[in-house]
């Protein structure tokens, strides 16, 4: 992720977040596999939100209330990947973060229907 600040905003659907535990979940692909399993069992409840890069951070905002749900400094973002047509979700953005206060990395998965994941793969660039 390019750490240069540029304000961008996208409407996304948050699908799933998980911690990489180095056992069952070691990679983004493992997280996608877990998402597929949960979806097959009807256990994915997406949440519409705004994903924005602003003031040096990645912010997840409630669509209606415009309140911040979660925020990550751009320096904590280790990786962003586009995953196209890998399952029922056609355009997935994965964001891998590791906050200084946490030992494990987390992966957040978003569906990006409105514009396609390639538009937001380079967040902050």
Foldseek 3Di string as FASTA:
>chain_A
DDQAADKDKAKWWWWDKDWQPVPQRPDVVSVVVVSQVCVVVVNTDIAIWMFIGDPQKTFTAHPPVRHTPDIGGPVQWDAWDWDAPPDPQGTKIWTWGDDPVDDIIMIIIIRHPPPGNVVCRPPRD
